Amino acid sequence: MAHKKKNRQLQLAAYIDNSKGQTMLKPKLANNTLPVICGVEITTDGEGRFNLNALHKASGGENHKRPSKWLATESAKELIFELEKQSPFSGLGEEVIKVVKGGVSPGTFAHELLAVEYAGWISPSYRLQVNQTFLDYKTGKLQPVFDPTRALNDAVFLRTALLEYTERVEHLELENKDLSTKVEHMENLFKEGMTPTQFCKMLNGVNVMAVGRFLEARKWLYNESKSSTRWRAGNYARDKYLTEHQSEIRVHGGIDFIKYTPVLLHKGAVRIYQLYLKGELPMKSTWNGVFTHDKELKGKP
């Protein structure tokens, strides 16, 4: 207990030492924006103390994490005691924490250090979030909260928003038109029963000799032969991107066997076409950079 108390004293001394010559809870701000955490505005009182009830609400508002629960802990009591002893540097006299019941702004308002400690008691990650928000608050880095009611009365804002919206809609229409063209060309290329290699032969620039190994690396295919190449549909892609066609091979004077041929499902063709447009398929070194749909469009009068 004495060791923990000593650590808190050192922590508090370091905090105050870094703040000498300043009023710690009344920082000079570049704007008057209050800190906002998880959509909850963390209000302050006239002396710059932070509202612990607002911090509690922003954390999720769990009942066992209420400010009163934390204030009842020995660690909170010791920290308040140490802070009150060194209060001449705090600018608050002995009121490092103040409970306001009723009125316009009720709640438990606490010194910044206490507020951060309370956040840490809720969770370590919440402490980091609150501490960073407070730093941004003190240095004026917080962005003003958007007020839609004020925006509706701002003619300049409304004109600008309308122009941006119109431009965005036009851009999306062009993107959708381009996407529709690409999808249409993919549908024209794909025929049921195609193998991945046959489909890729329809795509300008693809190195079809390397497609099998490429799909093997992506777990679509596996080679069931140790001495040659006999592709099978892998578990990852089976019934999702690929299926298999079976055919009986009769061997004169030998043993008949079943040949399995991986063939593309529609979803598999779509996925390969997406990889093609992203430039992720194995391409020929002589590829001119033109995709199949671009090539066909350029050939139109």
Protein backbone atom coordinates (compact mmCIF):
# COMPACT_ATOMS: atom_id res chain seq x y z
CA MET A 1 0.00 0.00 0.00
CA ALA A 2 2.80 2.42 0.92
CA HIS A 3 4.59 1.61 -2.35
CA LYS A 4 1.45 2.34 -4.41
CA LYS A 5 0.89 5.56 -2.48
CA LYS A 6 4.45 6.66 -3.18
CA ASN A 7 3.99 5.96 -6.90
CA ARG A 8 0.85 8.08 -6.98
CA GLN A 9 2.69 10.89 -5.21
CA LEU A 10 5.49 10.78 -7.78
CA GLN A 11 3.00 10.67 -10.63
CA LEU A 12 1.13 13.66 -9.24
CA ALA A 13 4.35 15.60 -8.59
CA ALA A 14 5.48 15.04 -12.18
CA TYR A 15 2.09 16.14 -13.49
CA ILE A 16 2.13 19.34 -11.44
CA ASP A 17 5.80 20.03 -12.22
CA ASN A 18 4.98 20.01 -15.93
CA SER A 19 2.10 22.38 -15.32
CA LYS A 20 3.67 25.03 -13.04
CA GLY A 21 3.01 28.54 -14.14
CA GLN A 22 -0.27 27.47 -15.78
CA THR A 23 -3.84 27.08 -14.60
CA MET A 24 -4.09 23.40 -15.36
CA LEU A 25 -7.83 23.17 -15.82
CA LYS A 26 -8.19 26.43 -17.71
CA PRO A 27 -6.03 25.92 -20.82
CA LYS A 28 -5.93 28.56 -23.52
CA LEU A 29 -7.80 27.04 -26.43
CA ALA A 30 -7.67 27.79 -30.14
CA ASN A 31 -11.43 27.20 -30.20
CA ASN A 32 -14.17 26.68 -27.68
CA THR A 33 -15.05 23.16 -28.81
CA LEU A 34 -15.69 20.81 -25.93
CA PRO A 35 -14.15 17.32 -26.04
CA VAL A 36 -16.45 14.70 -27.55
CA ILE A 37 -15.98 10.98 -26.89
CA CYS A 38 -18.16 8.37 -28.61
CA GLY A 39 -20.63 11.09 -29.53
CA VAL A 40 -20.94 12.37 -25.95
CA GLU A 41 -19.89 15.93 -25.18
CA ILE A 42 -17.72 16.04 -22.05
CA THR A 43 -18.85 19.22 -20.34
CA THR A 44 -16.80 21.26 -17.88
CA ASP A 45 -17.79 23.55 -15.05
CA GLY A 46 -16.74 27.17 -14.51
CA GLU A 47 -13.38 26.09 -13.06
CA GLY A 48 -12.54 23.73 -15.91
CA ARG A 49 -13.27 20.48 -14.09
CA PHE A 50 -14.49 17.63 -16.30
CA ASN A 51 -17.87 15.94 -15.93
CA LEU A 52 -17.28 12.35 -14.78
CA ASN A 53 -20.93 11.47 -15.48
CA ALA A 54 -20.42 12.38 -19.13
CA LEU A 55 -17.28 10.21 -19.24
CA HIS A 56 -19.29 7.37 -17.72
CA LYS A 57 -21.99 7.75 -20.37
CA ALA A 58 -19.40 7.84 -23.18
CA SER A 59 -17.84 4.60 -21.89
CA GLY A 60 -21.12 2.72 -22.24
CA GLY A 61 -22.79 3.65 -18.97
CA GLU A 62 -22.37 0.35 -17.15
CA ASN A 63 -23.85 0.59 -13.66
CA HIS A 64 -20.81 -0.86 -11.85
CA LYS A 65 -18.58 1.77 -13.47
CA ARG A 66 -20.44 4.82 -12.15
CA PRO A 67 -18.29 7.69 -10.77
CA SER A 68 -19.59 7.06 -7.26
CA LYS A 69 -18.25 3.49 -7.41
CA TRP A 70 -14.79 4.74 -8.34
CA LEU A 71 -14.80 7.52 -5.73
CA ALA A 72 -15.46 4.88 -3.06
CA THR A 73 -12.22 3.03 -3.91
CA GLU A 74 -9.11 3.48 -1.77
CA SER A 75 -6.99 4.43 -4.79
CA ALA A 76 -9.36 7.27 -5.70
CA LYS A 77 -9.46 8.55 -2.13
CA GLU A 78 -5.66 8.54 -1.88
CA LEU A 79 -5.25 10.32 -5.21
CA ILE A 80 -7.76 13.01 -4.21
CA PHE A 81 -5.97 13.44 -0.88
CA GLU A 82 -2.57 13.85 -2.56
CA LEU A 83 -3.97 16.28 -5.12
CA GLU A 84 -5.65 18.38 -2.46
CA LYS A 85 -2.34 18.59 -0.53
CA GLN A 86 -0.66 20.08 -3.58
CA SER A 87 -3.68 22.12 -4.61
CA PRO A 88 -1.94 25.54 -4.52
CA PHE A 89 -0.51 24.60 -7.91
CA SER A 90 -3.86 23.42 -9.24
CA GLY A 91 -5.60 26.78 -9.21
CA LEU A 92 -8.65 25.23 -7.56
CA GLY A 93 -7.97 25.54 -3.85
CA GLU A 94 -9.05 22.28 -2.29
CA GLU A 95 -11.97 21.65 -4.67
CA VAL A 96 -10.30 19.18 -6.95
CA ILE A 97 -13.65 17.40 -7.19
CA LYS A 98 -17.10 18.90 -6.90
CA VAL A 99 -20.52 17.27 -6.89
CA VAL A 100 -23.35 19.43 -8.26
CA LYS A 101 -26.85 18.26 -7.45
CA GLY A 102 -29.67 19.82 -9.43
CA GLY A 103 -29.47 23.02 -11.42
CA VAL A 104 -28.67 23.43 -15.11
CA SER A 105 -25.54 21.23 -15.14
CA PRO A 106 -25.67 18.56 -12.43
CA GLY A 107 -22.93 15.97 -12.10
CA THR A 108 -19.59 15.10 -10.58
CA PHE A 109 -16.89 17.44 -11.88
CA ALA A 110 -13.25 16.53 -11.34
CA HIS A 111 -9.72 17.77 -11.94
CA GLU A 112 -8.28 16.58 -15.25
CA LEU A 113 -5.90 14.13 -13.56
CA LEU A 114 -8.80 12.59 -11.63
CA ALA A 115 -10.87 12.38 -14.81
CA VAL A 116 -8.10 10.51 -16.62
CA GLU A 117 -7.61 8.19 -13.62
CA TYR A 118 -11.35 7.50 -13.56
CA ALA A 119 -11.22 6.63 -17.27
CA GLY A 120 -8.32 4.25 -16.55
CA TRP A 121 -10.37 2.59 -13.81
CA ILE A 122 -13.07 1.91 -16.41
CA SER A 123 -10.53 0.37 -18.83
CA PRO A 124 -6.92 0.94 -19.97
CA SER A 125 -7.98 1.55 -23.57
CA TYR A 126 -10.57 4.10 -22.46
CA ARG A 127 -7.89 5.91 -20.44
CA LEU A 128 -5.74 6.30 -23.57
CA GLN A 129 -8.71 7.55 -25.57
CA VAL A 130 -9.72 10.10 -22.93
CA ASN A 131 -6.14 11.27 -22.37
CA GLN A 132 -5.62 11.89 -26.11
CA THR A 133 -8.95 13.72 -26.39
CA PHE A 134 -8.03 15.96 -23.46
CA LEU A 135 -4.64 16.72 -25.04
CA ASP A 136 -6.34 17.70 -28.29
CA TYR A 137 -8.80 19.78 -26.27
CA LYS A 138 -6.07 21.72 -24.49
CA THR A 139 -4.05 22.34 -27.65
CA GLY A 140 -7.06 23.41 -29.71
CA LYS A 141 -6.81 20.51 -32.15
CA LEU A 142 -10.41 19.38 -31.78
CA GLN A 143 -12.63 19.91 -34.80
CA PRO A 144 -15.93 21.72 -34.13
CA VAL A 145 -18.94 19.41 -33.86
CA PHE A 146 -21.13 19.65 -36.96
CA ASP A 147 -24.42 21.39 -36.19
CA PRO A 148 -27.04 20.46 -38.82
CA THR A 149 -29.54 23.06 -37.60
CA ARG A 150 -27.05 25.88 -38.23
CA ALA A 151 -26.07 24.38 -41.58
CA LEU A 152 -29.69 24.46 -42.79
CA ASN A 153 -29.70 28.23 -42.31
CA ASP A 154 -26.38 28.75 -44.07
CA ALA A 155 -27.05 29.54 -47.74
CA VAL A 156 -23.39 29.28 -48.75
CA PHE A 157 -23.06 25.89 -47.08
CA LEU A 158 -26.24 24.61 -48.76
CA ARG A 159 -25.11 25.75 -52.23
CA THR A 160 -21.70 24.15 -51.77
CA ALA A 161 -23.22 20.92 -50.44
CA LEU A 162 -25.63 20.76 -53.40
CA LEU A 163 -22.82 21.22 -55.91
CA GLU A 164 -20.68 18.55 -54.20
CA TYR A 165 -23.66 16.19 -54.09
CA THR A 166 -24.41 16.74 -57.80
CA GLU A 167 -20.77 16.11 -58.74
CA ARG A 168 -20.71 12.98 -56.60
CA VAL A 169 -23.89 11.63 -58.23
CA GLU A 170 -22.49 12.26 -61.71
CA HIS A 171 -19.25 10.52 -60.75
CA LEU A 172 -21.12 7.51 -59.38
CA GLU A 173 -23.26 7.32 -62.53
CA LEU A 174 -20.10 7.18 -64.66
CA GLU A 175 -18.60 4.52 -62.37
CA ASN A 176 -21.79 2.45 -62.54
CA LYS A 177 -21.90 2.78 -66.32
CA ASP A 178 -18.28 1.63 -66.56
CA LEU A 179 -18.95 -1.25 -64.15
CA SER A 180 -22.02 -2.32 -66.13
CA THR A 181 -19.92 -2.38 -69.29
CA LYS A 182 -17.29 -4.56 -67.60
CA VAL A 183 -19.90 -6.95 -66.20
CA GLU A 184 -21.60 -7.20 -69.59
CA HIS A 185 -18.31 -8.12 -71.27
CA MET A 186 -17.54 -10.70 -68.58
CA GLU A 187 -20.97 -12.28 -69.12
CA ASN A 188 -20.32 -12.43 -72.87
CA LEU A 189 -16.98 -14.14 -72.30
CA PHE A 190 -18.10 -16.76 -69.79
CA LYS A 191 -19.70 -19.98 -71.00
CA GLU A 192 -20.83 -22.72 -68.68
CA GLY A 193 -18.38 -25.62 -68.53
CA MET A 194 -15.29 -23.49 -69.16
CA THR A 195 -12.09 -24.38 -67.37
CA PRO A 196 -10.14 -21.52 -65.74
CA THR A 197 -7.55 -21.72 -68.53
CA GLN A 198 -10.21 -21.55 -71.27
CA PHE A 199 -11.78 -18.50 -69.66
CA CYS A 200 -8.43 -16.77 -69.25
CA LYS A 201 -7.68 -17.31 -72.96
CA MET A 202 -10.47 -14.79 -73.57
CA LEU A 203 -8.71 -12.15 -71.47
CA ASN A 204 -6.20 -10.03 -73.34
CA GLY A 205 -2.65 -10.32 -72.01
CA VAL A 206 -3.09 -13.19 -69.54
CA ASN A 207 -0.31 -15.79 -69.45
CA VAL A 208 -2.55 -18.85 -69.61
CA MET A 209 0.41 -21.19 -69.10
CA ALA A 210 0.82 -19.81 -65.57
CA VAL A 211 -2.87 -19.73 -64.58
CA GLY A 212 -2.88 -23.22 -63.06
CA ARG A 213 0.03 -22.49 -60.72
CA PHE A 214 -1.48 -19.11 -59.86
CA LEU A 215 -4.76 -20.74 -58.80
CA GLU A 216 -2.84 -23.44 -56.94
CA ALA A 217 -1.16 -20.73 -54.87
CA ARG A 218 -4.60 -19.30 -54.04
CA LYS A 219 -5.84 -22.78 -52.95
CA TRP A 220 -8.30 -23.03 -55.83
CA LEU A 221 -6.51 -26.05 -57.34
CA TYR A 222 -4.21 -28.83 -56.25
CA ASN A 223 -2.18 -31.32 -58.27
CA GLU A 224 -3.13 -34.89 -57.45
CA SER A 225 -0.27 -36.37 -59.49
CA LYS A 226 3.33 -36.70 -58.38
CA SER A 227 4.73 -37.33 -61.85
CA SER A 228 2.58 -35.07 -64.07
CA THR A 229 -0.06 -32.37 -63.79
CA ARG A 230 -3.64 -33.38 -62.98
CA TRP A 231 -5.53 -30.47 -61.49
CA ARG A 232 -8.35 -30.98 -59.02
CA ALA A 233 -10.61 -28.42 -57.38
CA GLY A 234 -9.33 -27.52 -53.92
CA ASN A 235 -11.58 -27.55 -50.85
CA TYR A 236 -11.40 -23.76 -50.57
CA ALA A 237 -12.84 -23.16 -54.06
CA ARG A 238 -14.99 -26.28 -54.49
CA ASP A 239 -18.69 -25.40 -54.96
CA LYS A 240 -17.79 -21.75 -54.43
CA TYR A 241 -15.70 -20.88 -57.47
CA LEU A 242 -15.21 -24.29 -59.10
CA THR A 243 -16.87 -27.61 -59.61
CA GLU A 244 -15.60 -30.77 -61.33
CA HIS A 245 -16.70 -32.65 -64.41
CA GLN A 246 -16.04 -36.38 -64.46
CA SER A 247 -15.33 -38.44 -67.52
CA GLU A 248 -14.44 -42.09 -67.79
CA ILE A 249 -11.25 -42.78 -69.73
CA ARG A 250 -11.06 -46.24 -71.24
CA VAL A 251 -7.58 -47.61 -71.78
CA HIS A 252 -7.24 -50.40 -74.33
CA GLY A 253 -5.41 -53.23 -72.67
CA GLY A 254 -5.03 -51.24 -69.50
CA ILE A 255 -7.01 -50.02 -66.50
CA ASP A 256 -9.85 -47.57 -67.08
CA PHE A 257 -9.91 -44.47 -64.86
CA ILE A 258 -11.97 -41.41 -64.05
CA LYS A 259 -10.67 -38.03 -65.18
CA TYR A 260 -11.65 -34.98 -63.16
CA THR A 261 -11.69 -31.58 -64.85
CA PRO A 262 -12.09 -28.42 -62.72
CA VAL A 263 -14.57 -26.05 -64.36
CA LEU A 264 -15.59 -22.54 -63.41
CA LEU A 265 -18.82 -21.63 -61.74
CA HIS A 266 -20.26 -18.21 -62.55
CA LYS A 267 -18.96 -16.78 -59.27
CA GLY A 268 -15.51 -18.14 -60.08
CA ALA A 269 -15.51 -16.40 -63.45
CA VAL A 270 -16.52 -13.14 -61.80
CA ARG A 271 -13.70 -13.47 -59.27
CA ILE A 272 -11.08 -14.20 -61.93
CA TYR A 273 -12.31 -11.23 -63.96
CA GLN A 274 -11.99 -9.02 -60.88
CA LEU A 275 -8.41 -10.22 -60.36
CA TYR A 276 -7.76 -9.53 -64.04
CA LEU A 277 -8.99 -5.94 -63.82
CA LYS A 278 -6.89 -5.43 -60.68
CA GLY A 279 -3.81 -6.65 -62.53
CA GLU A 280 -3.27 -9.63 -60.23
CA LEU A 281 -3.42 -12.44 -62.78
CA PRO A 282 -0.12 -13.64 -64.31
CA MET A 283 0.35 -11.49 -67.40
CA LYS A 284 2.53 -11.89 -70.50
CA SER A 285 5.65 -9.76 -70.62
CA THR A 286 4.44 -8.48 -74.00
CA TRP A 287 1.04 -7.36 -72.69
CA ASN A 288 0.14 -3.91 -74.01
CA GLY A 289 -1.75 -2.90 -70.87
CA VAL A 290 -5.15 -3.02 -72.55
CA PHE A 291 -7.89 -5.07 -70.92
CA THR A 292 -10.31 -7.13 -72.98
CA HIS A 293 -13.28 -4.80 -72.54
CA ASP A 294 -11.12 -1.76 -73.39
CA LYS A 295 -9.81 -3.53 -76.49
CA GLU A 296 -13.33 -4.35 -77.68
CA LEU A 297 -14.57 -0.81 -77.04
CA LYS A 298 -11.68 0.68 -79.00
CA GLY A 299 -12.58 -1.57 -81.93
CA LYS A 300 -16.14 -0.18 -82.10
CA PRO A 301 -16.87 2.58 -84.65
